């Protein structure tokens, strides 16, 4: 696949339509099946460690985290609240991640994909 034509990880992992088993992470956080599969198959557990290390002024109950490729192996990680207001931003995150972007929702102590947000 052409490196200029990569897609969103969310497009590939949009198959989780019913509640499934939750997977424990650390400090009481849990992953939905979709997030668990992404961390397993895309080797991106580092992203969730990075998210948990951030201090934001976003509502602790719902945060929307977006990882977006800026160039080659450099990404920007942005957190927005439900109203779309930016609450945190980290530039130049160096990572070996195949996709150009990934959106993760943090609802309290649960990490889920956007497609899973309303089923948990």
PDB file of N, CA and C in Angstrom:
ATOM      1  N   UNK A   1       0.851  -1.184   0.000  1.00  0.00           N
ATOM      2  CA  UNK A   1       0.000   0.000   0.000  1.00  0.00           C
ATOM      3  C   UNK A   1       0.888   1.235   0.000  1.00  0.00           C
ATOM      4  N   UNK A   2       0.551   2.207  -0.788  1.00  0.00           N
ATOM      5  CA  UNK A   2       1.292   3.460  -0.857  1.00  0.00           C
ATOM      6  C   UNK A   2       1.216   4.178   0.476  1.00  0.00           C
ATOM      7  N   UNK A   3       2.371   4.629   0.978  1.00  0.00           N
ATOM      8  CA  UNK A   3       2.395   5.273   2.295  1.00  0.00           C
ATOM      9  C   UNK A   3       1.604   6.574   2.308  1.00  0.00           C
ATOM     10  N   UNK A   4       1.318   7.142   1.144  1.00  0.00           N
ATOM     11  CA  UNK A   4       0.519   8.362   1.089  1.00  0.00           C
ATOM     12  C   UNK A   4      -0.976   8.059   1.044  1.00  0.00           C
ATOM     13  N   UNK A   5      -1.339   6.794   1.028  1.00  0.00           N
ATOM     14  CA  UNK A   5      -2.733   6.404   0.866  1.00  0.00           C
ATOM     15  C   UNK A   5      -3.212   5.504   2.003  1.00  0.00           C
ATOM     16  N   UNK A   6      -2.661   5.674   3.167  1.00  0.00           N
ATOM     17  CA  UNK A   6      -3.086   4.876   4.316  1.00  0.00           C
ATOM     18  C   UNK A   6      -4.421   5.385   4.824  1.00  0.00           C
ATOM     19  N   UNK A   7      -5.118   4.529   5.501  1.00  0.00           N
ATOM     20  CA  UNK A   7      -6.442   4.898   5.990  1.00  0.00           C
ATOM     21  C   UNK A   7      -6.440   5.025   7.503  1.00  0.00           C
ATOM     22  N   UNK A   8      -7.588   5.338   8.010  1.00  0.00           N
ATOM     23  CA  UNK A   8      -7.776   5.418   9.446  1.00  0.00           C
ATOM     24  C   UNK A   8      -7.904   4.010  10.019  1.00  0.00           C
ATOM     25  N   UNK A   9      -7.280   3.785  11.155  1.00  0.00           N
ATOM     26  CA  UNK A   9      -7.436   2.499  11.835  1.00  0.00           C
ATOM     27  C   UNK A   9      -8.903   2.267  12.182  1.00  0.00           C
ATOM     28  N   UNK A  10      -9.633   3.344  12.440  1.00  0.00           N
ATOM     29  CA  UNK A  10     -11.047   3.207  12.790  1.00  0.00           C
ATOM     30  C   UNK A  10     -11.864   2.617  11.644  1.00  0.00           C
ATOM     31  N   UNK A  11     -11.449   2.858  10.389  1.00  0.00           N
ATOM     32  CA  UNK A  11     -12.164   2.283   9.249  1.00  0.00           C
ATOM     33  C   UNK A  11     -12.041   0.760   9.226  1.00  0.00           C
ATOM     34  N   UNK A  12     -10.879   0.247   9.583  1.00  0.00           N
ATOM     35  CA  UNK A  12     -10.675  -1.198   9.596  1.00  0.00           C
ATOM     36  C   UNK A  12     -11.333  -1.850  10.809  1.00  0.00           C
ATOM     37  N   UNK A  13     -11.270  -1.168  11.940  1.00  0.00           N
ATOM     38  CA  UNK A  13     -11.781  -1.739  13.192  1.00  0.00           C
ATOM     39  C   UNK A  13     -13.191  -1.220  13.513  1.00  0.00           C
ATOM     40  N   UNK A  14     -14.058  -1.176  12.520  1.00  0.00           N
ATOM     41  CA  UNK A  14     -15.418  -0.666  12.731  1.00  0.00           C
ATOM     42  C   UNK A  14     -16.447  -1.787  12.803  1.00  0.00           C
ATOM     43  N   UNK A  15     -16.038  -2.946  13.270  1.00  0.00           N
ATOM     44  CA  UNK A  15     -16.900  -4.128  13.250  1.00  0.00           C
ATOM     45  C   UNK A  15     -17.475  -4.486  14.622  1.00  0.00           C
ATOM     46  N   UNK A  16     -17.225  -3.672  15.614  1.00  0.00           N
ATOM     47  CA  UNK A  16     -17.638  -3.995  16.986  1.00  0.00           C
ATOM     48  C   UNK A  16     -18.971  -3.315  17.284  1.00  0.00           C
ATOM     49  N   UNK A  17     -20.063  -4.070  17.123  1.00  0.00           N
ATOM     50  CA  UNK A  17     -21.395  -3.484  17.189  1.00  0.00           C
ATOM     51  C   UNK A  17     -22.203  -3.911  18.408  1.00  0.00           C
ATOM     52  N   UNK A  18     -21.711  -4.885  19.152  1.00  0.00           N
ATOM     53  CA  UNK A  18     -22.411  -5.348  20.355  1.00  0.00           C
ATOM     54  C   UNK A  18     -21.422  -5.390  21.513  1.00  0.00           C
ATOM     55  N   UNK A  19     -21.917  -5.242  22.733  1.00  0.00           N
ATOM     56  CA  UNK A  19     -21.004  -5.307  23.882  1.00  0.00           C
ATOM     57  C   UNK A  19     -20.314  -6.671  23.950  1.00  0.00           C
ATOM     58  N   UNK A  20     -19.037  -6.635  24.200  1.00  0.00           N
ATOM     59  CA  UNK A  20     -18.269  -7.865  24.357  1.00  0.00           C
ATOM     60  C   UNK A  20     -17.467  -7.768  25.639  1.00  0.00           C
ATOM     61  N   UNK A  21     -16.641  -8.754  25.865  1.00  0.00           N
ATOM     62  CA  UNK A  21     -15.834  -8.809  27.083  1.00  0.00           C
ATOM     63  C   UNK A  21     -14.916  -7.595  27.185  1.00  0.00           C
ATOM     64  N   UNK A  22     -14.807  -7.048  28.397  1.00  0.00           N
ATOM     65  CA  UNK A  22     -13.857  -5.971  28.647  1.00  0.00           C
ATOM     66  C   UNK A  22     -12.538  -6.582  29.101  1.00  0.00           C
ATOM     67  N   UNK A  23     -11.448  -5.915  28.765  1.00  0.00           N
ATOM     68  CA  UNK A  23     -10.109  -6.403  29.084  1.00  0.00           C
ATOM     69  C   UNK A  23      -9.438  -5.422  30.033  1.00  0.00           C
ATOM     70  N   UNK A  24      -8.926  -5.930  31.150  1.00  0.00           N
ATOM     71  CA  UNK A  24      -8.240  -5.087  32.114  1.00  0.00           C
ATOM     72  C   UNK A  24      -6.940  -4.544  31.553  1.00  0.00           C
ATOM     73  N   UNK A  25      -6.615  -3.319  31.942  1.00  0.00           N
ATOM     74  CA  UNK A  25      -5.374  -2.704  31.486  1.00  0.00           C
ATOM     75  C   UNK A  25      -4.491  -2.444  32.691  1.00  0.00           C
ATOM     76  N   UNK A  26      -4.565  -1.292  33.286  1.00  0.00           N
ATOM     77  CA  UNK A  26      -3.805  -0.994  34.500  1.00  0.00           C
ATOM     78  C   UNK A  26      -4.511   0.110  35.257  1.00  0.00           C
ATOM     79  N   UNK A  27      -4.255   0.179  36.535  1.00  0.00           N
ATOM     80  CA  UNK A  27      -4.860   1.204  37.399  1.00  0.00           C
ATOM     81  C   UNK A  27      -6.382   1.245  37.282  1.00  0.00           C
ATOM     82  N   UNK A  28      -6.999   0.100  37.024  1.00  0.00           N
ATOM     83  CA  UNK A  28      -8.453   0.039  36.939  1.00  0.00           C
ATOM     84  C   UNK A  28      -9.026   0.391  35.581  1.00  0.00           C
ATOM     85  N   UNK A  29      -8.200   0.739  34.613  1.00  0.00           N
ATOM     86  CA  UNK A  29      -8.682   1.046  33.265  1.00  0.00           C
ATOM     87  C   UNK A  29      -8.984  -0.248  32.521  1.00  0.00           C
ATOM     88  N   UNK A  30      -9.943  -0.154  31.592  1.00  0.00           N
ATOM     89  CA  UNK A  30     -10.322  -1.316  30.797  1.00  0.00           C
ATOM     90  C   UNK A  30     -10.383  -0.949  29.318  1.00  0.00           C
ATOM     91  N   UNK A  31     -10.201  -1.965  28.484  1.00  0.00           N
ATOM     92  CA  UNK A  31     -10.308  -1.837  27.034  1.00  0.00           C
ATOM     93  C   UNK A  31     -11.548  -2.591  26.569  1.00  0.00           C
ATOM     94  N   UNK A  32     -12.251  -2.011  25.606  1.00  0.00           N
ATOM     95  CA  UNK A  32     -13.292  -2.760  24.913  1.00  0.00           C
ATOM     96  C   UNK A  32     -12.599  -3.765  23.996  1.00  0.00           C
ATOM     97  N   UNK A  33     -13.378  -4.640  23.406  1.00  0.00           N
ATOM     98  CA  UNK A  33     -12.819  -5.638  22.489  1.00  0.00           C
ATOM     99  C   UNK A  33     -12.115  -4.969  21.308  1.00  0.00           C
ATOM    100  N   UNK A  34     -12.698  -3.896  20.775  1.00  0.00           N
ATOM    101  CA  UNK A  34     -12.085  -3.201  19.645  1.00  0.00           C
ATOM    102  C   UNK A  34     -10.743  -2.594  19.994  1.00  0.00           C
ATOM    103  N   UNK A  35     -10.662  -1.928  21.127  1.00  0.00           N
ATOM    104  CA  UNK A  35      -9.398  -1.325  21.557  1.00  0.00           C
ATOM    105  C   UNK A  35      -8.381  -2.418  21.867  1.00  0.00           C
ATOM    106  N   UNK A  36      -8.832  -3.479  22.509  1.00  0.00           N
ATOM    107  CA  UNK A  36      -7.931  -4.594  22.806  1.00  0.00           C
ATOM    108  C   UNK A  36      -7.333  -5.157  21.515  1.00  0.00           C
ATOM    109  N   UNK A  37      -8.166  -5.333  20.493  1.00  0.00           N
ATOM    110  CA  UNK A  37      -7.666  -5.849  19.218  1.00  0.00           C
ATOM    111  C   UNK A  37      -6.667  -4.892  18.582  1.00  0.00           C
ATOM    112  N   UNK A  38      -6.928  -3.608  18.637  1.00  0.00           N
ATOM    113  CA  UNK A  38      -5.977  -2.638  18.075  1.00  0.00           C
ATOM    114  C   UNK A  38      -4.646  -2.702  18.814  1.00  0.00           C
ATOM    115  N   UNK A  39      -4.691  -2.747  20.145  1.00  0.00           N
ATOM    116  CA  UNK A  39      -3.423  -2.804  20.889  1.00  0.00           C
ATOM    117  C   UNK A  39      -2.669  -4.089  20.578  1.00  0.00           C
ATOM    118  N   UNK A  40      -3.393  -5.165  20.342  1.00  0.00           N
ATOM    119  CA  UNK A  40      -2.759  -6.451  20.052  1.00  0.00           C
ATOM    120  C   UNK A  40      -2.203  -6.505  18.636  1.00  0.00           C
ATOM    121  N   UNK A  41      -3.045  -6.205  17.648  1.00  0.00           N
ATOM    122  CA  UNK A  41      -2.651  -6.388  16.253  1.00  0.00           C
ATOM    123  C   UNK A  41      -1.830  -5.235  15.687  1.00  0.00           C
ATOM    124  N   UNK A  42      -1.951  -4.054  16.254  1.00  0.00           N
ATOM    125  CA  UNK A  42      -1.209  -2.894  15.742  1.00  0.00           C
ATOM    126  C   UNK A  42      -0.062  -2.488  16.669  1.00  0.00           C
ATOM    127  N   UNK A  43       0.120  -3.229  17.760  1.00  0.00           N
ATOM    128  CA  UNK A  43       1.240  -2.997  18.673  1.00  0.00           C
ATOM    129  C   UNK A  43       1.317  -1.538  19.122  1.00  0.00           C
ATOM    130  N   UNK A  44       0.227  -1.031  19.682  1.00  0.00           N
ATOM    131  CA  UNK A  44       0.187   0.391  20.050  1.00  0.00           C
ATOM    132  C   UNK A  44      -0.206   0.627  21.506  1.00  0.00           C
ATOM    133  N   UNK A  45       0.179  -0.269  22.377  1.00  0.00           N
ATOM    134  CA  UNK A  45      -0.082  -0.070  23.799  1.00  0.00           C
ATOM    135  C   UNK A  45       0.581   1.212  24.299  1.00  0.00           C
ATOM    136  N   UNK A  46       1.676   1.610  23.673  1.00  0.00           N
ATOM    137  CA  UNK A  46       2.386   2.850  24.021  1.00  0.00           C
ATOM    138  C   UNK A  46       1.449   4.053  23.968  1.00  0.00           C
ATOM    139  N   UNK A  47       0.489   4.036  23.040  1.00  0.00           N
ATOM    140  CA  UNK A  47      -0.431   5.161  22.887  1.00  0.00           C
ATOM    141  C   UNK A  47      -1.282   5.347  24.143  1.00  0.00           C
ATOM    142  N   UNK A  48      -1.734   4.272  24.736  1.00  0.00           N
ATOM    143  CA  UNK A  48      -2.584   4.357  25.919  1.00  0.00           C
ATOM    144  C   UNK A  48      -1.784   4.775  27.147  1.00  0.00           C
ATOM    145  N   UNK A  49      -0.528   4.354  27.199  1.00  0.00           N
ATOM    146  CA  UNK A  49       0.355   4.845  28.263  1.00  0.00           C
ATOM    147  C   UNK A  49       0.542   6.352  28.128  1.00  0.00           C
ATOM    148  N   UNK A  50       0.730   6.810  26.904  1.00  0.00           N
ATOM    149  CA  UNK A  50       0.908   8.242  26.649  1.00  0.00           C
ATOM    150  C   UNK A  50      -0.348   9.025  27.035  1.00  0.00           C
ATOM    151  N   UNK A  51      -1.503   8.518  26.682  1.00  0.00           N
ATOM    152  CA  UNK A  51      -2.764   9.180  27.040  1.00  0.00           C
ATOM    153  C   UNK A  51      -2.903   9.280  28.557  1.00  0.00           C
ATOM    154  N   UNK A  52      -2.624   8.198  29.252  1.00  0.00           N
ATOM    155  CA  UNK A  52      -2.777   8.210  30.707  1.00  0.00           C
ATOM    156  C   UNK A  52      -1.759   9.109  31.394  1.00  0.00           C
ATOM    157  N   UNK A  53      -0.646   9.377  30.740  1.00  0.00           N
ATOM    158  CA  UNK A  53       0.371  10.274  31.307  1.00  0.00           C
ATOM    159  C   UNK A  53      -0.001  11.742  31.167  1.00  0.00           C
ATOM    160  N   UNK A  54      -1.008  12.060  30.345  1.00  0.00           N
ATOM    161  CA  UNK A  54      -1.358  13.452  30.074  1.00  0.00           C
ATOM    162  C   UNK A  54      -2.310  14.009  31.121  1.00  0.00           C
ATOM    163  N   UNK A  55      -2.068  15.243  31.466  1.00  0.00           N
ATOM    164  CA  UNK A  55      -2.978  15.982  32.347  1.00  0.00           C
ATOM    165  C   UNK A  55      -3.756  16.941  31.452  1.00  0.00           C
ATOM    166  N   UNK A  56      -5.074  16.810  31.453  1.00  0.00           N
ATOM    167  CA  UNK A  56      -5.895  17.679  30.609  1.00  0.00           C
ATOM    168  C   UNK A  56      -6.937  18.373  31.468  1.00  0.00           C
ATOM    169  N   UNK A  57      -7.514  19.427  30.894  1.00  0.00           N
ATOM    170  CA  UNK A  57      -8.636  20.073  31.572  1.00  0.00           C
ATOM    171  C   UNK A  57      -9.964  19.578  30.996  1.00  0.00           C
ATOM    172  N   UNK A  58      -9.883  18.477  30.253  1.00  0.00           N
ATOM    173  CA  UNK A  58     -11.099  17.886  29.676  1.00  0.00           C
ATOM    174  C   UNK A  58     -11.892  17.193  30.773  1.00  0.00           C
ATOM    175  N   UNK A  59     -13.171  17.058  30.524  1.00  0.00           N
ATOM    176  CA  UNK A  59     -14.047  16.296  31.412  1.00  0.00           C
ATOM    177  C   UNK A  59     -13.431  14.909  31.596  1.00  0.00           C
ATOM    178  N   UNK A  60     -13.167  14.511  32.830  1.00  0.00           N
ATOM    179  CA  UNK A  60     -12.551  13.199  33.024  1.00  0.00           C
ATOM    180  C   UNK A  60     -13.455  12.045  32.592  1.00  0.00           C
ATOM    181  N   UNK A  61     -14.736  12.320  32.418  1.00  0.00           N
ATOM    182  CA  UNK A  61     -15.653  11.254  32.025  1.00  0.00           C
ATOM    183  C   UNK A  61     -15.593  10.938  30.535  1.00  0.00           C
ATOM    184  N   UNK A  62     -15.427  11.938  29.677  1.00  0.00           N
ATOM    185  CA  UNK A  62     -15.389  11.687  28.236  1.00  0.00           C
ATOM    186  C   UNK A  62     -14.315  12.539  27.579  1.00  0.00           C
ATOM    187  N   UNK A  63     -13.328  11.861  27.007  1.00  0.00           N
ATOM    188  CA  UNK A  63     -12.259  12.531  26.274  1.00  0.00           C
ATOM    189  C   UNK A  63     -12.117  11.833  24.927  1.00  0.00           C
ATOM    190  N   UNK A  64     -11.936  12.631  23.874  1.00  0.00           N
ATOM    191  CA  UNK A  64     -11.765  12.090  22.527  1.00  0.00           C
ATOM    192  C   UNK A  64     -10.318  12.330  22.123  1.00  0.00           C
ATOM    193  N   UNK A  65      -9.577  11.247  21.968  1.00  0.00           N
ATOM    194  CA  UNK A  65      -8.154  11.321  21.642  1.00  0.00           C
ATOM    195  C   UNK A  65      -7.946  10.942  20.182  1.00  0.00           C
ATOM    196  N   UNK A  66      -7.222  11.797  19.445  1.00  0.00           N
ATOM    197  CA  UNK A  66      -6.959  11.555  18.026  1.00  0.00           C
ATOM    198  C   UNK A  66      -5.456  11.553  17.782  1.00  0.00           C
ATOM    199  N   UNK A  67      -4.983  10.471  17.210  1.00  0.00           N
ATOM    200  CA  UNK A  67      -3.592  10.357  16.784  1.00  0.00           C
ATOM    201  C   UNK A  67      -3.586  10.555  15.282  1.00  0.00           C
ATOM    202  N   UNK A  68      -2.800  11.514  14.794  1.00  0.00           N
ATOM    203  CA  UNK A  68      -2.790  11.827  13.362  1.00  0.00           C
ATOM    204  C   UNK A  68      -1.356  11.963  12.874  1.00  0.00           C
ATOM    205  N   UNK A  69      -1.068  11.270  11.774  1.00  0.00           N
ATOM    206  CA  UNK A  69       0.276  11.324  11.187  1.00  0.00           C
ATOM    207  C   UNK A  69       0.545  12.723  10.634  1.00  0.00           C
ATOM    208  N   UNK A  70       1.713  13.257  10.978  1.00  0.00           N
ATOM    209  CA  UNK A  70       2.144  14.544  10.445  1.00  0.00           C
ATOM    210  C   UNK A  70       3.137  14.334   9.303  1.00  0.00           C
ATOM    211  N   UNK A  71       4.078  13.422   9.492  1.00  0.00           N
ATOM    212  CA  UNK A  71       5.027  13.033   8.450  1.00  0.00           C
ATOM    213  C   UNK A  71       5.674  11.725   8.868  1.00  0.00           C
ATOM    214  N   UNK A  72       5.962  10.877   7.931  1.00  0.00           N
ATOM    215  CA  UNK A  72       6.570   9.563   8.141  1.00  0.00           C
ATOM    216  C   UNK A  72       6.196   8.965   9.491  1.00  0.00           C
ATOM    217  N   UNK A  73       7.122   8.902  10.431  1.00  0.00           N
ATOM    218  CA  UNK A  73       6.857   8.266  11.724  1.00  0.00           C
ATOM    219  C   UNK A  73       6.590   9.267  12.835  1.00  0.00           C
ATOM    220  N   UNK A  74       6.092  10.445  12.494  1.00  0.00           N
ATOM    221  CA  UNK A  74       5.790  11.468  13.493  1.00  0.00           C
ATOM    222  C   UNK A  74       4.299  11.792  13.472  1.00  0.00           C
ATOM    223  N   UNK A  75       3.725  11.836  14.666  1.00  0.00           N
ATOM    224  CA  UNK A  75       2.290  12.025  14.832  1.00  0.00           C
ATOM    225  C   UNK A  75       2.004  13.180  15.783  1.00  0.00           C
ATOM    226  N   UNK A  76       0.759  13.647  15.739  1.00  0.00           N
ATOM    227  CA  UNK A  76       0.254  14.591  16.727  1.00  0.00           C
ATOM    228  C   UNK A  76      -0.877  13.880  17.467  1.00  0.00           C
ATOM    229  N   UNK A  77      -0.860  13.998  18.792  1.00  0.00           N
ATOM    230  CA  UNK A  77      -1.914  13.433  19.626  1.00  0.00           C
ATOM    231  C   UNK A  77      -2.698  14.585  20.225  1.00  0.00           C
ATOM    232  N   UNK A  78      -4.002  14.607  19.972  1.00  0.00           N
ATOM    233  CA  UNK A  78      -4.862  15.693  20.427  1.00  0.00           C
ATOM    234  C   UNK A  78      -6.016  15.129  21.245  1.00  0.00           C
ATOM    235  N   UNK A  79      -6.356  15.842  22.303  1.00  0.00           N
ATOM    236  CA  UNK A  79      -7.525  15.488  23.114  1.00  0.00           C
ATOM    237  C   UNK A  79      -8.549  16.603  22.988  1.00  0.00           C
ATOM    238  N   UNK A  80      -9.793  16.209  22.743  1.00  0.00           N
ATOM    239  CA  UNK A  80     -10.898  17.168  22.710  1.00  0.00           C
ATOM    240  C   UNK A  80     -11.997  16.678  23.641  1.00  0.00           C
ATOM    241  N   UNK A  81     -12.803  17.632  24.094  1.00  0.00           N
ATOM    242  CA  UNK A  81     -13.961  17.240  24.893  1.00  0.00           C
ATOM    243  C   UNK A  81     -15.130  16.962  23.950  1.00  0.00           C
ATOM    244  N   UNK A  82     -16.287  16.613  24.496  1.00  0.00           N
ATOM    245  CA  UNK A  82     -17.448  16.272  23.667  1.00  0.00           C
ATOM    246  C   UNK A  82     -17.921  17.440  22.804  1.00  0.00           C
ATOM    247  N   UNK A  83     -17.635  18.668  23.242  1.00  0.00           N
ATOM    248  CA  UNK A  83     -18.033  19.853  22.478  1.00  0.00           C
ATOM    249  C   UNK A  83     -17.012  20.201  21.395  1.00  0.00           C
ATOM    250  N   UNK A  84     -15.897  19.473  21.316  1.00  0.00           N
ATOM    251  CA  UNK A  84     -14.894  19.713  20.291  1.00  0.00           C
ATOM    252  C   UNK A  84     -13.795  20.678  20.694  1.00  0.00           C
ATOM    253  N   UNK A  85     -13.777  21.110  21.955  1.00  0.00           N
ATOM    254  CA  UNK A  85     -12.734  22.033  22.417  1.00  0.00           C
ATOM    255  C   UNK A  85     -11.461  21.253  22.715  1.00  0.00           C
ATOM    256  N   UNK A  86     -10.341  21.730  22.156  1.00  0.00           N
ATOM    257  CA  UNK A  86      -9.056  21.078  22.367  1.00  0.00           C
ATOM    258  C   UNK A  86      -8.614  21.262  23.810  1.00  0.00           C
ATOM    259  N   UNK A  87      -8.224  20.163  24.447  1.00  0.00           N
ATOM    260  CA  UNK A  87      -7.837  20.171  25.861  1.00  0.00           C
ATOM    261  C   UNK A  87      -6.375  19.806  26.060  1.00  0.00           C
ATOM    262  N   UNK A  88      -5.785  19.147  25.080  1.00  0.00           N
ATOM    263  CA  UNK A  88      -4.378  18.757  25.167  1.00  0.00           C
ATOM    264  C   UNK A  88      -3.875  18.482  23.758  1.00  0.00           C
ATOM    265  N   UNK A  89      -2.572  18.686  23.581  1.00  0.00           N
ATOM    266  CA  UNK A  89      -1.963  18.410  22.281  1.00  0.00           C
ATOM    267  C   UNK A  89      -0.495  18.079  22.491  1.00  0.00           C
ATOM    268  N   UNK A  90      -0.058  17.006  21.875  1.00  0.00           N
ATOM    269  CA  UNK A  90       1.346  16.615  21.913  1.00  0.00           C
ATOM    270  C   UNK A  90       1.805  16.492  20.468  1.00  0.00           C
ATOM    271  N   UNK A  91       2.819  17.246  20.123  1.00  0.00           N
ATOM    272  CA  UNK A  91       3.356  17.210  18.762  1.00  0.00           C
ATOM    273  C   UNK A  91       4.597  16.332  18.717  1.00  0.00           C
ATOM    274  N   UNK A  92       4.922  15.885  17.524  1.00  0.00           N
ATOM    275  CA  UNK A  92       6.137  15.116  17.260  1.00  0.00           C
ATOM    276  C   UNK A  92       6.242  13.840  18.084  1.00  0.00           C
ATOM    277  N   UNK A  93       5.139  13.115  18.180  1.00  0.00           N
ATOM    278  CA  UNK A  93       5.154  11.798  18.813  1.00  0.00           C
ATOM    279  C   UNK A  93       5.753  10.836  17.792  1.00  0.00           C
ATOM    280  N   UNK A  94       6.916  10.313  18.095  1.00  0.00           N
ATOM    281  CA  UNK A  94       7.568   9.394  17.164  1.00  0.00           C
ATOM    282  C   UNK A  94       7.080   7.979  17.435  1.00  0.00           C
ATOM    283  N   UNK A  95       6.559   7.334  16.394  1.00  0.00           N
ATOM    284  CA  UNK A  95       5.997   6.000  16.575  1.00  0.00           C
ATOM    285  C   UNK A  95       6.000   5.235  15.263  1.00  0.00           C
ATOM    286  N   UNK A  96       6.121   3.939  15.388  1.00  0.00           N
ATOM    287  CA  UNK A  96       5.995   3.043  14.247  1.00  0.00           C
ATOM    288  C   UNK A  96       4.555   2.526  14.269  1.00  0.00           C
ATOM    289  N   UNK A  97       3.687   3.200  13.538  1.00  0.00           N
ATOM    290  CA  UNK A  97       2.260   2.867  13.507  1.00  0.00           C
ATOM    291  C   UNK A  97       1.823   2.905  12.054  1.00  0.00           C
ATOM    292  N   UNK A  98       1.219   1.843  11.579  1.00  0.00           N
ATOM    293  CA  UNK A  98       0.901   1.719  10.167  1.00  0.00           C
ATOM    294  C   UNK A  98      -0.095   2.759   9.672  1.00  0.00           C
ATOM    295  N   UNK A  99      -1.155   2.968  10.410  1.00  0.00           N
ATOM    296  CA  UNK A  99      -2.239   3.830   9.942  1.00  0.00           C
ATOM    297  C   UNK A  99      -1.904   5.307  10.097  1.00  0.00           C
ATOM    298  N   UNK A 100      -2.617   6.144   9.336  1.00  0.00           N
ATOM    299  CA  UNK A 100      -2.405   7.592   9.408  1.00  0.00           C
ATOM    300  C   UNK A 100      -3.120   8.223  10.584  1.00  0.00           C
ATOM    301  N   UNK A 101      -4.180   7.601  11.059  1.00  0.00           N
ATOM    302  CA  UNK A 101      -4.866   8.178  12.213  1.00  0.00           C
ATOM    303  C   UNK A 101      -5.659   7.118  12.960  1.00  0.00           C
ATOM    304  N   UNK A 102      -5.968   7.467  14.192  1.00  0.00           N
ATOM    305  CA  UNK A 102      -6.746   6.608  15.075  1.00  0.00           C
ATOM    306  C   UNK A 102      -7.452   7.504  16.075  1.00  0.00           C
ATOM    307  N   UNK A 103      -8.732   7.275  16.278  1.00  0.00           N
ATOM    308  CA  UNK A 103      -9.498   7.997  17.291  1.00  0.00           C
ATOM    309  C   UNK A 103      -9.921   7.011  18.370  1.00  0.00           C
ATOM    310  N   UNK A 104      -9.663   7.406  19.613  1.00  0.00           N
ATOM    311  CA  UNK A 104      -9.994   6.601  20.787  1.00  0.00           C
ATOM    312  C   UNK A 104     -10.828   7.464  21.720  1.00  0.00           C
ATOM    313  N   UNK A 105     -11.829   6.883  22.324  1.00  0.00           N
ATOM    314  CA  UNK A 105     -12.641   7.609  23.304  1.00  0.00           C
ATOM    315  C   UNK A 105     -12.358   7.031  24.684  1.00  0.00           C
ATOM    316  N   UNK A 106     -12.097   7.928  25.611  1.00  0.00           N
ATOM    317  CA  UNK A 106     -11.874   7.546  27.007  1.00  0.00           C
ATOM    318  C   UNK A 106     -13.101   7.996  27.786  1.00  0.00           C
ATOM    319  N   UNK A 107     -13.864   7.014  28.265  1.00  0.00           N
ATOM    320  CA  UNK A 107     -15.078   7.284  29.051  1.00  0.00           C
ATOM    321  C   UNK A 107     -14.811   6.810  30.471  1.00  0.00           C
ATOM    322  N   UNK A 108     -14.491   7.733  31.346  1.00  0.00           N
ATOM    323  CA  UNK A 108     -14.142   7.342  32.701  1.00  0.00           C
ATOM    324  C   UNK A 108     -12.912   6.464  32.676  1.00  0.00           C
ATOM    325  N   UNK A 109     -13.065   5.213  33.084  1.00  0.00           N
ATOM    326  CA  UNK A 109     -11.944   4.262  33.124  1.00  0.00           C
ATOM    327  C   UNK A 109     -11.982   3.279  31.955  1.00  0.00           C
ATOM    328  N   UNK A 110     -12.779   3.598  30.927  1.00  0.00           N
ATOM    329  CA  UNK A 110     -12.938   2.711  29.777  1.00  0.00           C
ATOM    330  C   UNK A 110     -12.408   3.375  28.510  1.00  0.00           C
ATOM    331  N   UNK A 111     -11.582   2.642  27.766  1.00  0.00           N
ATOM    332  CA  UNK A 111     -11.145   3.073  26.442  1.00  0.00           C
ATOM    333  C   UNK A 111     -11.971   2.314  25.415  1.00  0.00           C
ATOM    334  N   UNK A 112     -12.567   3.053  24.457  1.00  0.00           N
ATOM    335  CA  UNK A 112     -13.364   2.403  23.420  1.00  0.00           C
ATOM    336  C   UNK A 112     -13.132   3.085  22.079  1.00  0.00           C
ATOM    337  N   UNK A 113     -13.547   2.400  21.023  1.00  0.00           N
ATOM    338  CA  UNK A 113     -13.535   2.982  19.688  1.00  0.00           C
ATOM    339  C   UNK A 113     -14.796   3.820  19.524  1.00  0.00           C
ATOM    340  N   UNK A 114     -14.784   4.798  18.612  1.00  0.00           N
ATOM    341  CA  UNK A 114     -15.996   5.597  18.399  1.00  0.00           C
ATOM    342  C   UNK A 114     -17.226   4.742  18.083  1.00  0.00           C
ATOM    343  N   UNK A 115     -17.050   3.671  17.328  1.00  0.00           N
ATOM    344  CA  UNK A 115     -18.190   2.815  16.984  1.00  0.00           C
ATOM    345  C   UNK A 115     -18.744   2.090  18.213  1.00  0.00           C
ATOM    346  N   UNK A 116     -17.939   1.968  19.262  1.00  0.00           N
ATOM    347  CA  UNK A 116     -18.360   1.266  20.475  1.00  0.00           C
ATOM    348  C   UNK A 116     -18.902   2.207  21.552  1.00  0.00           C
ATOM    349  N   UNK A 117     -18.782   3.496  21.341  1.00  0.00           N
ATOM    350  CA  UNK A 117     -19.082   4.471  22.394  1.00  0.00           C
ATOM    351  C   UNK A 117     -20.469   4.303  23.007  1.00  0.00           C
ATOM    352  N   UNK A 118     -21.466   4.074  22.207  1.00  0.00           N
ATOM    353  CA  UNK A 118     -22.840   4.030  22.720  1.00  0.00           C
ATOM    354  C   UNK A 118     -23.305   2.650  23.171  1.00  0.00           C
ATOM    355  N   UNK A 119     -22.421   1.656  23.124  1.00  0.00           N
ATOM    356  CA  UNK A 119     -22.839   0.317  23.557  1.00  0.00           C
ATOM    357  C   UNK A 119     -22.237  -0.065  24.909  1.00  0.00           C
ATOM    358  N   UNK A 120     -21.474   0.850  25.505  1.00  0.00           N
ATOM    359  CA  UNK A 120     -20.906   0.597  26.842  1.00  0.00           C
ATOM    360  C   UNK A 120     -21.301   1.708  27.785  1.00  0.00           C
TER     361      UNK A 120
END
